[in-house]
Amino acid sequence: MWFRIGDAGVRGVLALLEKADSFYATTGERAFLRTVEGGCQVPVGVYGTVENDLLELEAVIATVDGKTIIRDKIKGETKTAEFLGEELARKMLAAGGLKIMTDLGCM
């Protein structure tokens, strides 16, 4: 989008979006996925919601056959979205998610 760099109108709209709840939710979700090294072919999921400036991330790491499922969630201030995603990932990896991800060849 290099052609929009000087477009003040578009920059103004994007600035509004940057403060939206979805920005914080996706920031936390992406931090989680980056930390567990999850992609589209891995049974990993994370979902973020924001209410009253608090972000809640809920996640799952599962085996392909669904026999082992690790679920957890974390809640904190929206401004700590990236930390929350990383912390949730570390906690779930320590709780057995690392074995699942290693067995799948992801880590």
PDB file of N, CA and C in Angstrom:
ATOM      1  N   MET A   1       0.825  -1.191   0.000  1.00  0.00           N
ATOM      2  CA  MET A   1       0.000   0.000   0.000  1.00  0.00           C
ATOM      3  C   MET A   1       0.869   1.255   0.000  1.00  0.00           C
ATOM      4  N   TRP A   2       2.023   1.186  -0.585  1.00  0.00           N
ATOM      5  CA  TRP A   2       2.933   2.318  -0.642  1.00  0.00           C
ATOM      6  C   TRP A   2       2.290   3.538  -1.281  1.00  0.00           C
ATOM      7  N   PHE A   3       1.304   3.343  -2.134  1.00  0.00           N
ATOM      8  CA  PHE A   3       0.670   4.452  -2.819  1.00  0.00           C
ATOM      9  C   PHE A   3      -0.256   5.248  -1.899  1.00  0.00           C
ATOM     10  N   ARG A   4      -0.506   4.788  -0.681  1.00  0.00           N
ATOM     11  CA  ARG A   4      -1.383   5.474   0.273  1.00  0.00           C
ATOM     12  C   ARG A   4      -0.614   6.208   1.371  1.00  0.00           C
ATOM     13  N   ILE A   5       0.710   6.185   1.322  1.00  0.00           N
ATOM     14  CA  ILE A   5       1.510   6.776   2.388  1.00  0.00           C
ATOM     15  C   ILE A   5       1.125   8.229   2.647  1.00  0.00           C
ATOM     16  N   GLY A   6       0.902   8.991   1.639  1.00  0.00           N
ATOM     17  CA  GLY A   6       0.581  10.407   1.795  1.00  0.00           C
ATOM     18  C   GLY A   6      -0.909  10.700   1.901  1.00  0.00           C
ATOM     19  N   ASP A   7      -1.748   9.679   1.949  1.00  0.00           N
ATOM     20  CA  ASP A   7      -3.201   9.864   1.992  1.00  0.00           C
ATOM     21  C   ASP A   7      -3.662  10.058   3.441  1.00  0.00           C
ATOM     22  N   ALA A   8      -3.838  11.302   3.854  1.00  0.00           N
ATOM     23  CA  ALA A   8      -4.198  11.628   5.239  1.00  0.00           C
ATOM     24  C   ALA A   8      -5.559  11.045   5.617  1.00  0.00           C
ATOM     25  N   GLY A   9      -6.490  10.988   4.691  1.00  0.00           N
ATOM     26  CA  GLY A   9      -7.811  10.429   4.974  1.00  0.00           C
ATOM     27  C   GLY A   9      -7.738   8.963   5.350  1.00  0.00           C
ATOM     28  N   VAL A  10      -7.016   8.194   4.570  1.00  0.00           N
ATOM     29  CA  VAL A  10      -6.862   6.761   4.850  1.00  0.00           C
ATOM     30  C   VAL A  10      -6.091   6.566   6.148  1.00  0.00           C
ATOM     31  N   ARG A  11      -5.059   7.364   6.361  1.00  0.00           N
ATOM     32  CA  ARG A  11      -4.286   7.254   7.602  1.00  0.00           C
ATOM     33  C   ARG A  11      -5.158   7.539   8.820  1.00  0.00           C
ATOM     34  N   GLY A  12      -6.091   8.482   8.692  1.00  0.00           N
ATOM     35  CA  GLY A  12      -7.010   8.799   9.789  1.00  0.00           C
ATOM     36  C   GLY A  12      -7.933   7.633  10.105  1.00  0.00           C
ATOM     37  N   VAL A  13      -8.455   6.989   9.060  1.00  0.00           N
ATOM     38  CA  VAL A  13      -9.328   5.826   9.255  1.00  0.00           C
ATOM     39  C   VAL A  13      -8.546   4.682   9.895  1.00  0.00           C
ATOM     40  N   LEU A  14      -7.343   4.432   9.417  1.00  0.00           N
ATOM     41  CA  LEU A  14      -6.518   3.364   9.967  1.00  0.00           C
ATOM     42  C   LEU A  14      -6.156   3.637  11.427  1.00  0.00           C
ATOM     43  N   ALA A  15      -5.957   4.889  11.784  1.00  0.00           N
ATOM     44  CA  ALA A  15      -5.651   5.230  13.177  1.00  0.00           C
ATOM     45  C   ALA A  15      -6.820   4.868  14.082  1.00  0.00           C
ATOM     46  N   LEU A  16      -8.038   5.058  13.599  1.00  0.00           N
ATOM     47  CA  LEU A  16      -9.215   4.673  14.384  1.00  0.00           C
ATOM     48  C   LEU A  16      -9.273   3.162  14.575  1.00  0.00           C
ATOM     49  N   LEU A  17      -8.960   2.431  13.523  1.00  0.00           N
ATOM     50  CA  LEU A  17      -8.980   0.977  13.603  1.00  0.00           C
ATOM     51  C   LEU A  17      -7.918   0.455  14.559  1.00  0.00           C
ATOM     52  N   GLU A  18      -6.793   1.136  14.605  1.00  0.00           N
ATOM     53  CA  GLU A  18      -5.700   0.703  15.470  1.00  0.00           C
ATOM     54  C   GLU A  18      -6.117   0.691  16.939  1.00  0.00           C
ATOM     55  N   LYS A  19      -7.066   1.518  17.303  1.00  0.00           N
ATOM     56  CA  LYS A  19      -7.517   1.592  18.692  1.00  0.00           C
ATOM     57  C   LYS A  19      -8.722   0.694  18.954  1.00  0.00           C
ATOM     58  N   ALA A  20      -9.179   0.030  17.929  1.00  0.00           N
ATOM     59  CA  ALA A  20     -10.360  -0.819  18.062  1.00  0.00           C
ATOM     60  C   ALA A  20     -10.032  -2.092  18.830  1.00  0.00           C
ATOM     61  N   ASP A  21     -11.060  -2.673  19.446  1.00  0.00           N
ATOM     62  CA  ASP A  21     -10.901  -3.919  20.202  1.00  0.00           C
ATOM     63  C   ASP A  21     -10.309  -5.030  19.355  1.00  0.00           C
ATOM     64  N   SER A  22     -10.656  -5.051  18.088  1.00  0.00           N
ATOM     65  CA  SER A  22     -10.143  -6.121  17.225  1.00  0.00           C
ATOM     66  C   SER A  22      -8.630  -6.059  17.084  1.00  0.00           C
ATOM     67  N   PHE A  23      -8.054  -4.878  17.162  1.00  0.00           N
ATOM     68  CA  PHE A  23      -6.598  -4.741  17.097  1.00  0.00           C
ATOM     69  C   PHE A  23      -5.946  -5.491  18.259  1.00  0.00           C
ATOM     70  N   TYR A  24      -6.474  -5.297  19.451  1.00  0.00           N
ATOM     71  CA  TYR A  24      -5.911  -5.951  20.631  1.00  0.00           C
ATOM     72  C   TYR A  24      -6.134  -7.466  20.587  1.00  0.00           C
ATOM     73  N   ALA A  25      -7.309  -7.872  20.165  1.00  0.00           N
ATOM     74  CA  ALA A  25      -7.612  -9.302  20.082  1.00  0.00           C
ATOM     75  C   ALA A  25      -6.675  -9.991  19.096  1.00  0.00           C
ATOM     76  N   THR A  26      -6.511  -9.412  17.922  1.00  0.00           N
ATOM     77  CA  THR A  26      -5.643 -10.050  16.929  1.00  0.00           C
ATOM     78  C   THR A  26      -4.177  -9.977  17.319  1.00  0.00           C
ATOM     79  N   THR A  27      -3.776  -8.942  18.026  1.00  0.00           N
ATOM     80  CA  THR A  27      -2.398  -8.853  18.503  1.00  0.00           C
ATOM     81  C   THR A  27      -2.104 -10.006  19.461  1.00  0.00           C
ATOM     82  N   GLY A  28      -3.006 -10.263  20.390  1.00  0.00           N
ATOM     83  CA  GLY A  28      -2.840 -11.365  21.328  1.00  0.00           C
ATOM     84  C   GLY A  28      -2.873 -12.715  20.639  1.00  0.00           C
ATOM     85  N   GLU A  29      -3.806 -12.872  19.704  1.00  0.00           N
ATOM     86  CA  GLU A  29      -3.929 -14.135  18.966  1.00  0.00           C
ATOM     87  C   GLU A  29      -2.659 -14.425  18.169  1.00  0.00           C
ATOM     88  N   ARG A  30      -2.156 -13.420  17.482  1.00  0.00           N
ATOM     89  CA  ARG A  30      -0.949 -13.616  16.665  1.00  0.00           C
ATOM     90  C   ARG A  30       0.270 -13.920  17.524  1.00  0.00           C
ATOM     91  N   ALA A  31       0.362 -13.277  18.687  1.00  0.00           N
ATOM     92  CA  ALA A  31       1.482 -13.556  19.589  1.00  0.00           C
ATOM     93  C   ALA A  31       1.432 -15.005  20.074  1.00  0.00           C
ATOM     94  N   PHE A  32       0.233 -15.488  20.366  1.00  0.00           N
ATOM     95  CA  PHE A  32       0.067 -16.880  20.781  1.00  0.00           C
ATOM     96  C   PHE A  32       0.531 -17.820  19.667  1.00  0.00           C
ATOM     97  N   LEU A  33       0.014 -17.620  18.470  1.00  0.00           N
ATOM     98  CA  LEU A  33       0.339 -18.507  17.345  1.00  0.00           C
ATOM     99  C   LEU A  33       1.818 -18.459  16.996  1.00  0.00           C
ATOM    100  N   ARG A  34       2.411 -17.278  17.054  1.00  0.00           N
ATOM    101  CA  ARG A  34       3.844 -17.149  16.774  1.00  0.00           C
ATOM    102  C   ARG A  34       4.661 -17.931  17.812  1.00  0.00           C
ATOM    103  N   THR A  35       4.251 -17.861  19.072  1.00  0.00           N
ATOM    104  CA  THR A  35       4.992 -18.518  20.140  1.00  0.00           C
ATOM    105  C   THR A  35       4.883 -20.041  20.072  1.00  0.00           C
ATOM    106  N   VAL A  36       3.701 -20.562  19.740  1.00  0.00           N
ATOM    107  CA  VAL A  36       3.558 -22.023  19.637  1.00  0.00           C
ATOM    108  C   VAL A  36       3.945 -22.529  18.251  1.00  0.00           C
ATOM    109  N   GLU A  37       4.276 -21.602  17.365  1.00  0.00           N
ATOM    110  CA  GLU A  37       4.645 -21.924  15.986  1.00  0.00           C
ATOM    111  C   GLU A  37       3.518 -22.667  15.279  1.00  0.00           C
ATOM    112  N   GLY A  38       2.294 -22.219  15.534  1.00  0.00           N
ATOM    113  CA  GLY A  38       1.117 -22.830  14.915  1.00  0.00           C
ATOM    114  C   GLY A  38       0.811 -22.211  13.571  1.00  0.00           C
ATOM    115  N   GLY A  39       0.352 -23.037  12.656  1.00  0.00           N
ATOM    116  CA  GLY A  39      -0.047 -22.576  11.334  1.00  0.00           C
ATOM    117  C   GLY A  39      -1.365 -23.202  10.945  1.00  0.00           C
ATOM    118  N   CYS A  40      -1.671 -23.097   9.695  1.00  0.00           N
ATOM    119  CA  CYS A  40      -2.968 -23.572   9.199  1.00  0.00           C
ATOM    120  C   CYS A  40      -3.111 -25.091   9.216  1.00  0.00           C
ATOM    121  N   GLN A  41      -2.014 -25.827   9.266  1.00  0.00           N
ATOM    122  CA  GLN A  41      -2.075 -27.282   9.210  1.00  0.00           C
ATOM    123  C   GLN A  41      -1.997 -27.943  10.587  1.00  0.00           C
ATOM    124  N   VAL A  42      -2.029 -27.136  11.623  1.00  0.00           N
ATOM    125  CA  VAL A  42      -1.842 -27.633  12.985  1.00  0.00           C
ATOM    126  C   VAL A  42      -3.129 -27.438  13.786  1.00  0.00           C
ATOM    127  N   PRO A  43      -3.531 -28.429  14.601  1.00  0.00           N
ATOM    128  CA  PRO A  43      -4.755 -28.300  15.401  1.00  0.00           C
ATOM    129  C   PRO A  43      -4.550 -27.387  16.614  1.00  0.00           C
ATOM    130  N   VAL A  44      -4.392 -26.095  16.326  1.00  0.00           N
ATOM    131  CA  VAL A  44      -4.189 -25.070  17.338  1.00  0.00           C
ATOM    132  C   VAL A  44      -5.179 -23.958  17.051  1.00  0.00           C
ATOM    133  N   GLY A  45      -5.779 -23.428  18.097  1.00  0.00           N
ATOM    134  CA  GLY A  45      -6.706 -22.327  17.894  1.00  0.00           C
ATOM    135  C   GLY A  45      -6.639 -21.363  19.055  1.00  0.00           C
ATOM    136  N   VAL A  46      -6.910 -20.103  18.763  1.00  0.00           N
ATOM    137  CA  VAL A  46      -6.929 -19.073  19.799  1.00  0.00           C
ATOM    138  C   VAL A  46      -7.958 -18.025  19.391  1.00  0.00           C
ATOM    139  N   TYR A  47      -8.689 -17.526  20.381  1.00  0.00           N
ATOM    140  CA  TYR A  47      -9.730 -16.545  20.112  1.00  0.00           C
ATOM    141  C   TYR A  47      -9.681 -15.470  21.188  1.00  0.00           C
ATOM    142  N   GLY A  48      -9.645 -14.223  20.767  1.00  0.00           N
ATOM    143  CA  GLY A  48      -9.585 -13.116  21.698  1.00  0.00           C
ATOM    144  C   GLY A  48     -10.852 -12.291  21.686  1.00  0.00           C
ATOM    145  N   THR A  49     -11.275 -11.863  22.870  1.00  0.00           N
ATOM    146  CA  THR A  49     -12.422 -10.959  23.007  1.00  0.00           C
ATOM    147  C   THR A  49     -12.030  -9.844  23.973  1.00  0.00           C
ATOM    148  N   VAL A  50     -12.626  -8.675  23.755  1.00  0.00           N
ATOM    149  CA  VAL A  50     -12.340  -7.524  24.606  1.00  0.00           C
ATOM    150  C   VAL A  50     -13.648  -7.010  25.200  1.00  0.00           C
ATOM    151  N   GLU A  51     -13.599  -6.771  26.508  1.00  0.00           N
ATOM    152  CA  GLU A  51     -14.741  -6.189  27.203  1.00  0.00           C
ATOM    153  C   GLU A  51     -14.197  -5.293  28.310  1.00  0.00           C
ATOM    154  N   ASN A  52     -14.646  -4.038  28.315  1.00  0.00           N
ATOM    155  CA  ASN A  52     -14.208  -3.072  29.337  1.00  0.00           C
ATOM    156  C   ASN A  52     -12.684  -2.960  29.418  1.00  0.00           C
ATOM    157  N   ASP A  53     -12.041  -2.850  28.280  1.00  0.00           N
ATOM    158  CA  ASP A  53     -10.581  -2.724  28.182  1.00  0.00           C
ATOM    159  C   ASP A  53      -9.805  -3.916  28.731  1.00  0.00           C
ATOM    160  N   LEU A  54     -10.472  -5.068  28.849  1.00  0.00           N
ATOM    161  CA  LEU A  54      -9.797  -6.296  29.244  1.00  0.00           C
ATOM    162  C   LEU A  54      -9.853  -7.286  28.092  1.00  0.00           C
ATOM    163  N   LEU A  55      -8.710  -7.848  27.775  1.00  0.00           N
ATOM    164  CA  LEU A  55      -8.607  -8.847  26.711  1.00  0.00           C
ATOM    165  C   LEU A  55      -8.618 -10.234  27.337  1.00  0.00           C
ATOM    166  N   GLU A  56      -9.464 -11.100  26.803  1.00  0.00           N
ATOM    167  CA  GLU A  56      -9.449 -12.499  27.207  1.00  0.00           C
ATOM    168  C   GLU A  56      -9.082 -13.329  25.992  1.00  0.00           C
ATOM    169  N   LEU A  57      -8.058 -14.146  26.148  1.00  0.00           N
ATOM    170  CA  LEU A  57      -7.643 -15.070  25.099  1.00  0.00           C
ATOM    171  C   LEU A  57      -7.946 -16.478  25.572  1.00  0.00           C
ATOM    172  N   GLU A  58      -8.606 -17.234  24.725  1.00  0.00           N
ATOM    173  CA  GLU A  58      -8.913 -18.633  25.010  1.00  0.00           C
ATOM    174  C   GLU A  58      -8.290 -19.457  23.889  1.00  0.00           C
ATOM    175  N   ALA A  59      -7.571 -20.519  24.261  1.00  0.00           N
ATOM    176  CA  ALA A  59      -6.821 -21.266  23.250  1.00  0.00           C
ATOM    177  C   ALA A  59      -6.920 -22.773  23.462  1.00  0.00           C
ATOM    178  N   VAL A  60      -6.566 -23.484  22.398  1.00  0.00           N
ATOM    179  CA  VAL A  60      -6.567 -24.940  22.411  1.00  0.00           C
ATOM    180  C   VAL A  60      -5.386 -25.439  21.584  1.00  0.00           C
ATOM    181  N   ILE A  61      -4.765 -26.498  22.076  1.00  0.00           N
ATOM    182  CA  ILE A  61      -3.756 -27.247  21.321  1.00  0.00           C
ATOM    183  C   ILE A  61      -4.205 -28.701  21.416  1.00  0.00           C
ATOM    184  N   ALA A  62      -4.308 -29.377  20.283  1.00  0.00           N
ATOM    185  CA  ALA A  62      -4.829 -30.744  20.285  1.00  0.00           C
ATOM    186  C   ALA A  62      -4.004 -31.650  19.379  1.00  0.00           C
ATOM    187  N   THR A  63      -4.109 -32.927  19.659  1.00  0.00           N
ATOM    188  CA  THR A  63      -3.524 -33.904  18.750  1.00  0.00           C
ATOM    189  C   THR A  63      -4.438 -34.009  17.529  1.00  0.00           C
ATOM    190  N   VAL A  64      -3.898 -34.514  16.456  1.00  0.00           N
ATOM    191  CA  VAL A  64      -4.669 -34.623  15.219  1.00  0.00           C
ATOM    192  C   VAL A  64      -5.906 -35.496  15.402  1.00  0.00           C
ATOM    193  N   ASP A  65      -5.775 -36.548  16.202  1.00  0.00           N
ATOM    194  CA  ASP A  65      -6.918 -37.441  16.417  1.00  0.00           C
ATOM    195  C   ASP A  65      -7.898 -36.914  17.466  1.00  0.00           C
ATOM    196  N   GLY A  66      -7.562 -35.806  18.118  1.00  0.00           N
ATOM    197  CA  GLY A  66      -8.451 -35.206  19.107  1.00  0.00           C
ATOM    198  C   GLY A  66      -8.492 -35.902  20.448  1.00  0.00           C
ATOM    199  N   LYS A  67      -7.630 -36.884  20.648  1.00  0.00           N
ATOM    200  CA  LYS A  67      -7.639 -37.623  21.912  1.00  0.00           C
ATOM    201  C   LYS A  67      -7.034 -36.822  23.063  1.00  0.00           C
ATOM    202  N   THR A  68      -6.109 -35.953  22.745  1.00  0.00           N
ATOM    203  CA  THR A  68      -5.514 -35.088  23.759  1.00  0.00           C
ATOM    204  C   THR A  68      -5.808 -33.644  23.384  1.00  0.00           C
ATOM    205  N   ILE A  69      -6.445 -32.944  24.296  1.00  0.00           N
ATOM    206  CA  ILE A  69      -6.802 -31.546  24.056  1.00  0.00           C
ATOM    207  C   ILE A  69      -6.387 -30.729  25.278  1.00  0.00           C
ATOM    208  N   ILE A  70      -5.613 -29.695  25.030  1.00  0.00           N
ATOM    209  CA  ILE A  70      -5.203 -28.793  26.094  1.00  0.00           C
ATOM    210  C   ILE A  70      -5.910 -27.466  25.859  1.00  0.00           C
ATOM    211  N   ARG A  71      -6.664 -27.027  26.854  1.00  0.00           N
ATOM    212  CA  ARG A  71      -7.386 -25.761  26.775  1.00  0.00           C
ATOM    213  C   ARG A  71      -6.968 -24.879  27.944  1.00  0.00           C
ATOM    214  N   ASP A  72      -6.920 -23.572  27.680  1.00  0.00           N
ATOM    215  CA  ASP A  72      -6.630 -22.632  28.756  1.00  0.00           C
ATOM    216  C   ASP A  72      -7.038 -21.234  28.285  1.00  0.00           C
ATOM    217  N   LYS A  73      -7.049 -20.312  29.236  1.00  0.00           N
ATOM    218  CA  LYS A  73      -7.338 -18.925  28.885  1.00  0.00           C
ATOM    219  C   LYS A  73      -6.603 -18.002  29.829  1.00  0.00           C
ATOM    220  N   ILE A  74      -6.523 -16.755  29.401  1.00  0.00           N
ATOM    221  CA  ILE A  74      -5.830 -15.732  30.167  1.00  0.00           C
ATOM    222  C   ILE A  74      -6.574 -14.420  29.961  1.00  0.00           C
ATOM    223  N   LYS A  75      -6.503 -13.554  30.959  1.00  0.00           N
ATOM    224  CA  LYS A  75      -7.208 -12.274  30.873  1.00  0.00           C
ATOM    225  C   LYS A  75      -6.320 -11.174  31.430  1.00  0.00           C
ATOM    226  N   GLY A  76      -6.341 -10.028  30.778  1.00  0.00           N
ATOM    227  CA  GLY A  76      -5.548  -8.894  31.246  1.00  0.00           C
ATOM    228  C   GLY A  76      -5.873  -7.644  30.461  1.00  0.00           C
ATOM    229  N   GLU A  77      -5.167  -6.574  30.763  1.00  0.00           N
ATOM    230  CA  GLU A  77      -5.396  -5.297  30.096  1.00  0.00           C
ATOM    231  C   GLU A  77      -5.057  -5.386  28.608  1.00  0.00           C
ATOM    232  N   THR A  78      -5.834  -4.683  27.805  1.00  0.00           N
ATOM    233  CA  THR A  78      -5.623  -4.724  26.356  1.00  0.00           C
ATOM    234  C   THR A  78      -4.225  -4.277  25.962  1.00  0.00           C
ATOM    235  N   LYS A  79      -3.653  -3.335  26.695  1.00  0.00           N
ATOM    236  CA  LYS A  79      -2.329  -2.835  26.325  1.00  0.00           C
ATOM    237  C   LYS A  79      -1.235  -3.893  26.489  1.00  0.00           C
ATOM    238  N   THR A  80      -1.560  -5.005  27.142  1.00  0.00           N
ATOM    239  CA  THR A  80      -0.589  -6.095  27.306  1.00  0.00           C
ATOM    240  C   THR A  80      -0.913  -7.282  26.395  1.00  0.00           C
ATOM    241  N   ALA A  81      -1.613  -7.023  25.305  1.00  0.00           N
ATOM    242  CA  ALA A  81      -2.100  -8.083  24.416  1.00  0.00           C
ATOM    243  C   ALA A  81      -1.000  -9.032  23.958  1.00  0.00           C
ATOM    244  N   GLU A  82       0.117  -8.500  23.527  1.00  0.00           N
ATOM    245  CA  GLU A  82       1.189  -9.367  23.029  1.00  0.00           C
ATOM    246  C   GLU A  82       1.748 -10.239  24.156  1.00  0.00           C
ATOM    247  N   PHE A  83       1.979  -9.640  25.306  1.00  0.00           N
ATOM    248  CA  PHE A  83       2.459 -10.405  26.463  1.00  0.00           C
ATOM    249  C   PHE A  83       1.467 -11.509  26.828  1.00  0.00           C
ATOM    250  N   LEU A  84       0.172 -11.196  26.842  1.00  0.00           N
ATOM    251  CA  LEU A  84      -0.850 -12.183  27.203  1.00  0.00           C
ATOM    252  C   LEU A  84      -0.817 -13.379  26.256  1.00  0.00           C
ATOM    253  N   GLY A  85      -0.707 -13.109  24.958  1.00  0.00           N
ATOM    254  CA  GLY A  85      -0.645 -14.192  23.974  1.00  0.00           C
ATOM    255  C   GLY A  85       0.572 -15.069  24.173  1.00  0.00           C
ATOM    256  N   GLU A  86       1.723 -14.439  24.406  1.00  0.00           N
ATOM    257  CA  GLU A  86       2.953 -15.190  24.620  1.00  0.00           C
ATOM    258  C   GLU A  86       2.888 -15.988  25.922  1.00  0.00           C
ATOM    259  N   GLU A  87       2.366 -15.381  26.974  1.00  0.00           N
ATOM    260  CA  GLU A  87       2.277 -16.048  28.277  1.00  0.00           C
ATOM    261  C   GLU A  87       1.352 -17.258  28.222  1.00  0.00           C
ATOM    262  N   LEU A  88       0.209 -17.099  27.564  1.00  0.00           N
ATOM    263  CA  LEU A  88      -0.726 -18.213  27.422  1.00  0.00           C
ATOM    264  C   LEU A  88      -0.072 -19.356  26.643  1.00  0.00           C
ATOM    265  N   ALA A  89       0.638 -19.010  25.592  1.00  0.00           N
ATOM    266  CA  ALA A  89       1.326 -20.029  24.795  1.00  0.00           C
ATOM    267  C   ALA A  89       2.365 -20.771  25.623  1.00  0.00           C
ATOM    268  N   ARG A  90       3.182 -20.041  26.365  1.00  0.00           N
ATOM    269  CA  ARG A  90       4.213 -20.680  27.199  1.00  0.00           C
ATOM    270  C   ARG A  90       3.574 -21.618  28.227  1.00  0.00           C
ATOM    271  N   LYS A  91       2.493 -21.163  28.828  1.00  0.00           N
ATOM    272  CA  LYS A  91       1.799 -21.964  29.838  1.00  0.00           C
ATOM    273  C   LYS A  91       1.247 -23.261  29.228  1.00  0.00           C
ATOM    274  N   MET A  92       0.668 -23.153  28.045  1.00  0.00           N
ATOM    275  CA  MET A  92       0.076 -24.326  27.398  1.00  0.00           C
ATOM    276  C   MET A  92       1.143 -25.270  26.855  1.00  0.00           C
ATOM    277  N   LEU A  93       2.241 -24.723  26.368  1.00  0.00           N
ATOM    278  CA  LEU A  93       3.338 -25.576  25.909  1.00  0.00           C
ATOM    279  C   LEU A  93       3.894 -26.380  27.086  1.00  0.00           C
ATOM    280  N   ALA A  94       4.024 -25.727  28.235  1.00  0.00           N
ATOM    281  CA  ALA A  94       4.528 -26.410  29.428  1.00  0.00           C
ATOM    282  C   ALA A  94       3.555 -27.464  29.943  1.00  0.00           C
ATOM    283  N   ALA A  95       2.268 -27.292  29.651  1.00  0.00           N
ATOM    284  CA  ALA A  95       1.237 -28.218  30.139  1.00  0.00           C
ATOM    285  C   ALA A  95       1.012 -29.406  29.201  1.00  0.00           C
ATOM    286  N   GLY A  96       1.888 -29.599  28.235  1.00  0.00           N
ATOM    287  CA  GLY A  96       1.766 -30.733  27.322  1.00  0.00           C
ATOM    288  C   GLY A  96       1.666 -30.341  25.866  1.00  0.00           C
ATOM    289  N   GLY A  97       1.474 -29.073  25.603  1.00  0.00           N
ATOM    290  CA  GLY A  97       1.378 -28.611  24.220  1.00  0.00           C
ATOM    291  C   GLY A  97       2.678 -28.771  23.453  1.00  0.00           C
ATOM    292  N   LEU A  98       3.809 -28.643  24.141  1.00  0.00           N
ATOM    293  CA  LEU A  98       5.103 -28.801  23.475  1.00  0.00           C
ATOM    294  C   LEU A  98       5.253 -30.210  22.921  1.00  0.00           C
ATOM    295  N   LYS A  99       4.845 -31.203  23.685  1.00  0.00           N
ATOM    296  CA  LYS A  99       4.915 -32.580  23.205  1.00  0.00           C
ATOM    297  C   LYS A  99       4.036 -32.749  21.964  1.00  0.00           C
ATOM    298  N   ILE A 100       2.836 -32.215  22.018  1.00  0.00           N
ATOM    299  CA  ILE A 100       1.928 -32.322  20.859  1.00  0.00           C
ATOM    300  C   ILE A 100       2.569 -31.665  19.641  1.00  0.00           C
ATOM    301  N   MET A 101       3.074 -30.443  19.813  1.00  0.00           N
ATOM    302  CA  MET A 101       3.657 -29.708  18.689  1.00  0.00           C
ATOM    303  C   MET A 101       4.905 -30.408  18.165  1.00  0.00           C
ATOM    304  N   THR A 102       5.722 -30.970  19.075  1.00  0.00           N
ATOM    305  CA  THR A 102       6.933 -31.683  18.660  1.00  0.00           C
ATOM    306  C   THR A 102       6.564 -32.954  17.893  1.00  0.00           C
ATOM    307  N   ASP A 103       5.578 -33.679  18.394  1.00  0.00           N
ATOM    308  CA  ASP A 103       5.139 -34.898  17.708  1.00  0.00           C
ATOM    309  C   ASP A 103       4.609 -34.601  16.306  1.00  0.00           C
ATOM    310  N   LEU A 104       4.052 -33.398  16.122  1.00  0.00           N
ATOM    311  CA  LEU A 104       3.539 -33.013  14.802  1.00  0.00           C
ATOM    312  C   LEU A 104       4.643 -32.486  13.896  1.00  0.00           C
ATOM    313  N   GLY A 105       5.852 -32.330  14.454  1.00  0.00           N
ATOM    314  CA  GLY A 105       6.969 -31.831  13.675  1.00  0.00           C
ATOM    315  C   GLY A 105       6.982 -30.332  13.526  1.00  0.00           C
ATOM    316  N   CYS A 106       6.278 -29.639  14.412  1.00  0.00           N
ATOM    317  CA  CYS A 106       6.175 -28.181  14.321  1.00  0.00           C
ATOM    318  C   CYS A 106       7.277 -27.458  15.072  1.00  0.00           C
ATOM    319  N   MET A 107       7.890 -28.130  16.034  1.00  0.00           N
ATOM    320  CA  MET A 107       8.904 -27.441  16.861  1.00  0.00           C
ATOM    321  C   MET A 107      10.179 -28.260  16.881  1.00  0.00           C
TER     322      MET A 107
END
